[in-house]
Amino acid sequence: ILSDDLLHKGYRISAIDKIFKQEDVPVLML
């Protein structure tokens, strides 16, 4: 479960999402 204080423009989540997919780590929710 990924967590952060704010989701607005989504730059940070977009960047780390690519890495989670590359390493084949499933994300249950945010």
PDB file of all heavy atoms in Angstrom:
ATOM      1  N   ILE A   1       0.870  -1.184   0.000  1.00  0.00           N
ATOM      2  CA  ILE A   1       0.000   0.000   0.000  1.00  0.00           C
ATOM      3  C   ILE A   1       0.904   1.229   0.000  1.00  0.00           C
ATOM      4  O   ILE A   1       1.660   1.450   0.950  1.00  0.00           O
ATOM      5  CB  ILE A   1      -0.932   0.033   1.226  1.00  0.00           C
ATOM      6  CG1 ILE A   1      -1.884  -1.166   1.209  1.00  0.00           C
ATOM      7  CG2 ILE A   1      -1.729   1.335   1.260  1.00  0.00           C
ATOM      8  CD1 ILE A   1      -2.796  -1.244   2.416  1.00  0.00           C
ATOM      9  N   LEU A   2       0.871   2.011  -1.062  1.00  0.00           N
ATOM     10  CA  LEU A   2       1.660   3.235  -1.153  1.00  0.00           C
ATOM     11  C   LEU A   2       0.907   4.378  -0.495  1.00  0.00           C
ATOM     12  O   LEU A   2      -0.316   4.483  -0.618  1.00  0.00           O
ATOM     13  CB  LEU A   2       1.945   3.582  -2.615  1.00  0.00           C
ATOM     14  CG  LEU A   2       2.830   2.605  -3.404  1.00  0.00           C
ATOM     15  CD1 LEU A   2       2.922   3.037  -4.868  1.00  0.00           C
ATOM     16  CD2 LEU A   2       4.221   2.526  -2.789  1.00  0.00           C
ATOM     17  N   SER A   3       1.634   5.249   0.208  1.00  0.00           N
ATOM     18  CA  SER A   3       0.975   6.374   0.879  1.00  0.00           C
ATOM     19  C   SER A   3       1.810   7.637   0.737  1.00  0.00           C
ATOM     20  O   SER A   3       3.045   7.586   0.671  1.00  0.00           O
ATOM     21  CB  SER A   3       0.756   6.062   2.364  1.00  0.00           C
ATOM     22  OG  SER A   3       1.985   6.004   3.052  1.00  0.00           O
ATOM     23  N   ASP A   4       1.121   8.774   0.690  1.00  0.00           N
ATOM     24  CA  ASP A   4       1.767  10.081   0.604  1.00  0.00           C
ATOM     25  C   ASP A   4       0.812  11.115   1.186  1.00  0.00           C
ATOM     26  O   ASP A   4      -0.367  10.827   1.433  1.00  0.00           O
ATOM     27  CB  ASP A   4       2.130  10.411  -0.844  1.00  0.00           C
ATOM     28  CG  ASP A   4       3.140  11.555  -0.950  1.00  0.00           C
ATOM     29  OD1 ASP A   4       3.654  11.972   0.102  1.00  0.00           O
ATOM     30  OD2 ASP A   4       3.392  12.028  -2.062  1.00  0.00           O
ATOM     31  N   ASP A   5       1.323  12.327   1.394  1.00  0.00           N
ATOM     32  CA  ASP A   5       0.478  13.359   1.979  1.00  0.00           C
ATOM     33  C   ASP A   5      -0.453  14.003   0.959  1.00  0.00           C
ATOM     34  O   ASP A   5      -1.558  14.416   1.290  1.00  0.00           O
ATOM     35  CB  ASP A   5       1.321  14.434   2.672  1.00  0.00           C
ATOM     36  CG  ASP A   5       2.435  14.969   1.771  1.00  0.00           C
ATOM     37  OD1 ASP A   5       2.625  14.414   0.672  1.00  0.00           O
ATOM     38  OD2 ASP A   5       3.118  15.924   2.176  1.00  0.00           O
ATOM     39  N   LEU A   6      -0.017  14.092  -0.312  1.00  0.00           N
ATOM     40  CA  LEU A   6      -0.797  14.835  -1.307  1.00  0.00           C
ATOM     41  C   LEU A   6      -0.729  14.176  -2.675  1.00  0.00           C
ATOM     42  O   LEU A   6       0.340  13.730  -3.103  1.00  0.00           O
ATOM     43  CB  LEU A   6      -0.265  16.280  -1.415  1.00  0.00           C
ATOM     44  CG  LEU A   6      -0.837  17.158  -2.529  1.00  0.00           C
ATOM     45  CD1 LEU A   6      -2.287  17.504  -2.233  1.00  0.00           C
ATOM     46  CD2 LEU A   6      -0.012  18.435  -2.689  1.00  0.00           C
ATOM     47  N   LEU A   7      -1.855  14.117  -3.353  1.00  0.00           N
ATOM     48  CA  LEU A   7      -1.897  13.707  -4.758  1.00  0.00           C
ATOM     49  C   LEU A   7      -2.590  14.810  -5.543  1.00  0.00           C
ATOM     50  O   LEU A   7      -3.784  15.042  -5.398  1.00  0.00           O
ATOM     51  CB  LEU A   7      -2.660  12.395  -4.939  1.00  0.00           C
ATOM     52  CG  LEU A   7      -2.864  11.963  -6.404  1.00  0.00           C
ATOM     53  CD1 LEU A   7      -1.521  11.702  -7.074  1.00  0.00           C
ATOM     54  CD2 LEU A   7      -3.752  10.751  -6.504  1.00  0.00           C
ATOM     55  N   HIS A   8      -1.800  15.505  -6.355  1.00  0.00           N
ATOM     56  CA  HIS A   8      -2.361  16.591  -7.174  1.00  0.00           C
ATOM     57  C   HIS A   8      -1.894  16.417  -8.620  1.00  0.00           C
ATOM     58  O   HIS A   8      -2.652  15.959  -9.471  1.00  0.00           O
ATOM     59  CB  HIS A   8      -1.940  17.940  -6.611  1.00  0.00           C
ATOM     60  CG  HIS A   8      -2.488  19.120  -7.360  1.00  0.00           C
ATOM     61  ND1 HIS A   8      -3.787  19.153  -7.837  1.00  0.00           N
ATOM     62  CD2 HIS A   8      -1.913  20.306  -7.738  1.00  0.00           C
ATOM     63  CE1 HIS A   8      -3.999  20.307  -8.462  1.00  0.00           C
ATOM     64  NE2 HIS A   8      -2.878  21.008  -8.419  1.00  0.00           N
ATOM     65  N   LYS A   9      -0.643  16.721  -8.888  1.00  0.00           N
ATOM     66  CA  LYS A   9      -0.114  16.578 -10.238  1.00  0.00           C
ATOM     67  C   LYS A   9       0.458  15.184 -10.497  1.00  0.00           C
ATOM     68  O   LYS A   9       0.610  14.787 -11.644  1.00  0.00           O
ATOM     69  CB  LYS A   9       0.950  17.647 -10.492  1.00  0.00           C
ATOM     70  CG  LYS A   9       0.389  19.067 -10.444  1.00  0.00           C
ATOM     71  CD  LYS A   9       1.470  20.101 -10.723  1.00  0.00           C
ATOM     72  CE  LYS A   9       0.893  21.514 -10.666  1.00  0.00           C
ATOM     73  NZ  LYS A   9       1.932  22.550 -10.911  1.00  0.00           N
ATOM     74  N   GLY A  10       0.806  14.474  -9.446  1.00  0.00           N
ATOM     75  CA  GLY A  10       1.189  13.068  -9.589  1.00  0.00           C
ATOM     76  C   GLY A  10       2.575  12.806 -10.131  1.00  0.00           C
ATOM     77  O   GLY A  10       2.842  11.700 -10.628  1.00  0.00           O
ATOM     78  N   TYR A  11       3.494  13.773 -10.046  1.00  0.00           N
ATOM     79  CA  TYR A  11       4.834  13.563 -10.592  1.00  0.00           C
ATOM     80  C   TYR A  11       5.571  12.439  -9.863  1.00  0.00           C
ATOM     81  O   TYR A  11       6.182  11.568 -10.479  1.00  0.00           O
ATOM     82  CB  TYR A  11       5.661  14.850 -10.485  1.00  0.00           C
ATOM     83  CG  TYR A  11       5.137  15.988 -11.328  1.00  0.00           C
ATOM     84  CD1 TYR A  11       4.919  17.253 -10.780  1.00  0.00           C
ATOM     85  CD2 TYR A  11       4.845  15.810 -12.679  1.00  0.00           C
ATOM     86  CE1 TYR A  11       4.443  18.298 -11.550  1.00  0.00           C
ATOM     87  CE2 TYR A  11       4.367  16.854 -13.458  1.00  0.00           C
ATOM     88  CZ  TYR A  11       4.162  18.098 -12.888  1.00  0.00           C
ATOM     89  OH  TYR A  11       3.689  19.134 -13.643  1.00  0.00           O
ATOM     90  N   ARG A  12       5.508  12.455  -8.539  1.00  0.00           N
ATOM     91  CA  ARG A  12       6.279  11.491  -7.760  1.00  0.00           C
ATOM     92  C   ARG A  12       5.749  10.070  -7.938  1.00  0.00           C
ATOM     93  O   ARG A  12       6.507   9.129  -8.125  1.00  0.00           O
ATOM     94  CB  ARG A  12       6.272  11.887  -6.278  1.00  0.00           C
ATOM     95  CG  ARG A  12       7.383  11.240  -5.464  1.00  0.00           C
ATOM     96  CD  ARG A  12       7.317  11.721  -4.017  1.00  0.00           C
ATOM     97  NE  ARG A  12       7.517  13.147  -3.903  1.00  0.00           N
ATOM     98  CZ  ARG A  12       8.667  13.725  -3.609  1.00  0.00           C
ATOM     99  NH1 ARG A  12       9.740  12.972  -3.401  1.00  0.00           N
ATOM    100  NH2 ARG A  12       8.771  15.035  -3.502  1.00  0.00           N
ATOM    101  N   ILE A  13       4.415   9.917  -7.889  1.00  0.00           N
ATOM    102  CA  ILE A  13       3.842   8.577  -8.024  1.00  0.00           C
ATOM    103  C   ILE A  13       4.083   8.028  -9.425  1.00  0.00           C
ATOM    104  O   ILE A  13       4.308   6.830  -9.618  1.00  0.00           O
ATOM    105  CB  ILE A  13       2.326   8.582  -7.685  1.00  0.00           C
ATOM    106  CG1 ILE A  13       1.745   7.175  -7.787  1.00  0.00           C
ATOM    107  CG2 ILE A  13       1.553   9.517  -8.580  1.00  0.00           C
ATOM    108  CD1 ILE A  13       2.361   6.178  -6.860  1.00  0.00           C
ATOM    109  N   SER A  14       4.069   8.904 -10.441  1.00  0.00           N
ATOM    110  CA  SER A  14       4.326   8.453 -11.813  1.00  0.00           C
ATOM    111  C   SER A  14       5.745   7.920 -11.951  1.00  0.00           C
ATOM    112  O   SER A  14       5.996   6.929 -12.654  1.00  0.00           O
ATOM    113  CB  SER A  14       4.096   9.595 -12.803  1.00  0.00           C
ATOM    114  OG  SER A  14       2.744  10.003 -12.800  1.00  0.00           O
ATOM    115  N   ALA A  15       6.689   8.581 -11.262  1.00  0.00           N
ATOM    116  CA  ALA A  15       8.091   8.179 -11.362  1.00  0.00           C
ATOM    117  C   ALA A  15       8.338   6.838 -10.681  1.00  0.00           C
ATOM    118  O   ALA A  15       9.000   5.956 -11.245  1.00  0.00           O
ATOM    119  CB  ALA A  15       8.990   9.249 -10.754  1.00  0.00           C
ATOM    120  N   ILE A  16       7.797   6.666  -9.473  1.00  0.00           N
ATOM    121  CA  ILE A  16       8.078   5.423  -8.755  1.00  0.00           C
ATOM    122  C   ILE A  16       7.229   4.267  -9.276  1.00  0.00           C
ATOM    123  O   ILE A  16       7.623   3.104  -9.144  1.00  0.00           O
ATOM    124  CB  ILE A  16       7.874   5.596  -7.235  1.00  0.00           C
ATOM    125  CG1 ILE A  16       6.398   5.803  -6.902  1.00  0.00           C
ATOM    126  CG2 ILE A  16       8.719   6.730  -6.697  1.00  0.00           C
ATOM    127  CD1 ILE A  16       6.127   5.795  -5.419  1.00  0.00           C
ATOM    128  N   ASP A  17       6.088   4.580  -9.895  1.00  0.00           N
ATOM    129  CA  ASP A  17       5.235   3.515 -10.432  1.00  0.00           C
ATOM    130  C   ASP A  17       5.968   2.729 -11.514  1.00  0.00           C
ATOM    131  O   ASP A  17       5.833   1.506 -11.621  1.00  0.00           O
ATOM    132  CB  ASP A  17       3.941   4.120 -10.988  1.00  0.00           C
ATOM    133  CG  ASP A  17       3.009   3.044 -11.540  1.00  0.00           C
ATOM    134  OD1 ASP A  17       2.606   2.161 -10.762  1.00  0.00           O
ATOM    135  OD2 ASP A  17       2.692   3.096 -12.749  1.00  0.00           O
ATOM    136  N   LYS A  18       6.761   3.439 -12.329  1.00  0.00           N
ATOM    137  CA  LYS A  18       7.528   2.771 -13.377  1.00  0.00           C
ATOM    138  C   LYS A  18       8.495   1.750 -12.783  1.00  0.00           C
ATOM    139  O   LYS A  18       8.679   0.657 -13.319  1.00  0.00           O
ATOM    140  CB  LYS A  18       8.307   3.809 -14.195  1.00  0.00           C
ATOM    141  CG  LYS A  18       7.433   4.813 -14.932  1.00  0.00           C
ATOM    142  CD  LYS A  18       8.296   5.836 -15.646  1.00  0.00           C
ATOM    143  CE  LYS A  18       7.428   6.890 -16.332  1.00  0.00           C
ATOM    144  NZ  LYS A  18       8.263   7.931 -16.984  1.00  0.00           N
ATOM    145  N   ILE A  19       9.105   2.106 -11.646  1.00  0.00           N
ATOM    146  CA  ILE A  19      10.087   1.223 -11.027  1.00  0.00           C
ATOM    147  C   ILE A  19       9.402   0.009 -10.412  1.00  0.00           C
ATOM    148  O   ILE A  19       9.901  -1.122 -10.506  1.00  0.00           O
ATOM    149  CB  ILE A  19      10.898   1.998  -9.968  1.00  0.00           C
ATOM    150  CG1 ILE A  19      11.588   3.198 -10.622  1.00  0.00           C
ATOM    151  CG2 ILE A  19      11.922   1.092  -9.303  1.00  0.00           C
ATOM    152  CD1 ILE A  19      12.320   4.090  -9.651  1.00  0.00           C
ATOM    153  N   PHE A  20       8.233   0.208  -9.790  1.00  0.00           N
ATOM    154  CA  PHE A  20       7.501  -0.918  -9.224  1.00  0.00           C
ATOM    155  C   PHE A  20       7.104  -1.915 -10.313  1.00  0.00           C
ATOM    156  O   PHE A  20       7.144  -3.130 -10.114  1.00  0.00           O
ATOM    157  CB  PHE A  20       6.260  -0.421  -8.480  1.00  0.00           C
ATOM    158  CG  PHE A  20       6.523  -0.042  -7.049  1.00  0.00           C
ATOM    159  CD1 PHE A  20       6.939   1.238  -6.715  1.00  0.00           C
ATOM    160  CD2 PHE A  20       6.360  -0.973  -6.034  1.00  0.00           C
ATOM    161  CE1 PHE A  20       7.194   1.585  -5.398  1.00  0.00           C
ATOM    162  CE2 PHE A  20       6.605  -0.643  -4.716  1.00  0.00           C
ATOM    163  CZ  PHE A  20       7.023   0.648  -4.393  1.00  0.00           C
ATOM    164  N   LYS A  21       6.735  -1.382 -11.487  1.00  0.00           N
ATOM    165  CA  LYS A  21       6.370  -2.261 -12.591  1.00  0.00           C
ATOM    166  C   LYS A  21       7.589  -2.983 -13.150  1.00  0.00           C
ATOM    167  O   LYS A  21       7.519  -4.167 -13.503  1.00  0.00           O
ATOM    168  CB  LYS A  21       5.685  -1.451 -13.692  1.00  0.00           C
ATOM    169  CG  LYS A  21       4.278  -0.974 -13.311  1.00  0.00           C
ATOM    170  CD  LYS A  21       3.640  -0.170 -14.431  1.00  0.00           C
ATOM    171  CE  LYS A  21       2.227   0.254 -14.049  1.00  0.00           C
ATOM    172  NZ  LYS A  21       1.584   1.102 -15.098  1.00  0.00           N
ATOM    173  N   GLN A  22       8.727  -2.271 -13.240  1.00  0.00           N
ATOM    174  CA  GLN A  22       9.959  -2.892 -13.736  1.00  0.00           C
ATOM    175  C   GLN A  22      10.397  -4.050 -12.834  1.00  0.00           C
ATOM    176  O   GLN A  22      10.883  -5.076 -13.312  1.00  0.00           O
ATOM    177  CB  GLN A  22      11.074  -1.847 -13.812  1.00  0.00           C
ATOM    178  CG  GLN A  22      10.895  -0.830 -14.919  1.00  0.00           C
ATOM    179  CD  GLN A  22      11.922   0.283 -14.846  1.00  0.00           C
ATOM    180  OE1 GLN A  22      12.791   0.296 -13.974  1.00  0.00           O
ATOM    181  NE2 GLN A  22      11.839   1.234 -15.767  1.00  0.00           N
ATOM    182  N   GLU A  23      10.219  -3.871 -11.524  1.00  0.00           N
ATOM    183  CA  GLU A  23      10.644  -4.899 -10.571  1.00  0.00           C
ATOM    184  C   GLU A  23       9.533  -5.905 -10.284  1.00  0.00           C
ATOM    185  O   GLU A  23       9.701  -6.783  -9.431  1.00  0.00           O
ATOM    186  CB  GLU A  23      11.114  -4.243  -9.263  1.00  0.00           C
ATOM    187  CG  GLU A  23      12.263  -3.258  -9.427  1.00  0.00           C
ATOM    188  CD  GLU A  23      13.510  -3.913  -9.987  1.00  0.00           C
ATOM    189  OE1 GLU A  23      13.668  -5.149  -9.808  1.00  0.00           O
ATOM    190  OE2 GLU A  23      14.329  -3.204 -10.600  1.00  0.00           O
ATOM    191  N   ASP A  24       8.399  -5.755 -10.974  1.00  0.00           N
ATOM    192  CA  ASP A  24       7.271  -6.682 -10.834  1.00  0.00           C
ATOM    193  C   ASP A  24       6.783  -6.760  -9.387  1.00  0.00           C
ATOM    194  O   ASP A  24       6.623  -7.842  -8.819  1.00  0.00           O
ATOM    195  CB  ASP A  24       7.665  -8.074 -11.334  1.00  0.00           C
ATOM    196  CG  ASP A  24       6.446  -8.981 -11.525  1.00  0.00           C
ATOM    197  OD1 ASP A  24       5.343  -8.443 -11.773  1.00  0.00           O
ATOM    198  OD2 ASP A  24       6.597 -10.208 -11.422  1.00  0.00           O
ATOM    199  N   VAL A  25       6.553  -5.576  -8.797  1.00  0.00           N
ATOM    200  CA  VAL A  25       6.025  -5.491  -7.435  1.00  0.00           C
ATOM    201  C   VAL A  25       4.590  -4.979  -7.525  1.00  0.00           C
ATOM    202  O   VAL A  25       4.361  -3.826  -7.878  1.00  0.00           O
ATOM    203  CB  VAL A  25       6.866  -4.551  -6.559  1.00  0.00           C
ATOM    204  CG1 VAL A  25       6.265  -4.456  -5.151  1.00  0.00           C
ATOM    205  CG2 VAL A  25       8.309  -5.022  -6.498  1.00  0.00           C
ATOM    206  N   PRO A  26       3.592  -5.815  -7.221  1.00  0.00           N
ATOM    207  CA  PRO A  26       2.197  -5.367  -7.315  1.00  0.00           C
ATOM    208  C   PRO A  26       1.843  -4.382  -6.204  1.00  0.00           C
ATOM    209  O   PRO A  26       2.282  -4.536  -5.061  1.00  0.00           O
ATOM    210  CB  PRO A  26       1.403  -6.671  -7.175  1.00  0.00           C
ATOM    211  CG  PRO A  26       2.313  -7.577  -6.408  1.00  0.00           C
ATOM    212  CD  PRO A  26       3.715  -7.210  -6.796  1.00  0.00           C
ATOM    213  N   VAL A  27       1.054  -3.364  -6.559  1.00  0.00           N
ATOM    214  CA  VAL A  27       0.593  -2.357  -5.595  1.00  0.00           C
ATOM    215  C   VAL A  27      -0.892  -2.570  -5.362  1.00  0.00           C
ATOM    216  O   VAL A  27      -1.697  -2.471  -6.285  1.00  0.00           O
ATOM    217  CB  VAL A  27       0.868  -0.929  -6.109  1.00  0.00           C
ATOM    218  CG1 VAL A  27       0.296   0.100  -5.129  1.00  0.00           C
ATOM    219  CG2 VAL A  27       2.370  -0.704  -6.298  1.00  0.00           C
ATOM    220  N   LEU A  28      -1.255  -2.879  -4.131  1.00  0.00           N
ATOM    221  CA  LEU A  28      -2.641  -3.173  -3.788  1.00  0.00           C
ATOM    222  C   LEU A  28      -3.513  -1.928  -3.905  1.00  0.00           C
ATOM    223  O   LEU A  28      -4.587  -1.954  -4.502  1.00  0.00           O
ATOM    224  CB  LEU A  28      -2.718  -3.742  -2.369  1.00  0.00           C
ATOM    225  CG  LEU A  28      -4.111  -4.112  -1.858  1.00  0.00           C
ATOM    226  CD1 LEU A  28      -4.682  -5.275  -2.671  1.00  0.00           C
ATOM    227  CD2 LEU A  28      -4.039  -4.486  -0.374  1.00  0.00           C
ATOM    228  N   MET A  29      -3.046  -0.801  -3.325  1.00  0.00           N
ATOM    229  CA  MET A  29      -3.803   0.441  -3.401  1.00  0.00           C
ATOM    230  C   MET A  29      -2.913   1.604  -2.997  1.00  0.00           C
ATOM    231  O   MET A  29      -1.771   1.420  -2.553  1.00  0.00           O
ATOM    232  CB  MET A  29      -5.047   0.390  -2.499  1.00  0.00           C
ATOM    233  CG  MET A  29      -4.763   0.410  -1.010  1.00  0.00           C
ATOM    234  SD  MET A  29      -6.279   0.464  -0.011  1.00  0.00           S
ATOM    235  CE  MET A  29      -7.049   1.974  -0.602  1.00  0.00           C
ATOM    236  N   LEU A  30      -3.445   2.821  -3.150  1.00  0.00           N
ATOM    237  CA  LEU A  30      -2.740   4.039  -2.757  1.00  0.00           C
ATOM    238  C   LEU A  30      -3.623   4.824  -1.794  1.00  0.00           C
ATOM    239  O   LEU A  30      -4.835   4.928  -2.008  1.00  0.00           O
ATOM    240  CB  LEU A  30      -2.398   4.907  -3.966  1.00  0.00           C
ATOM    241  CG  LEU A  30      -1.474   4.301  -5.026  1.00  0.00           C
ATOM    242  CD1 LEU A  30      -2.296   3.690  -6.148  1.00  0.00           C
ATOM    243  CD2 LEU A  30      -0.542   5.358  -5.603  1.00  0.00           C
TER     244      LEU A  30
END
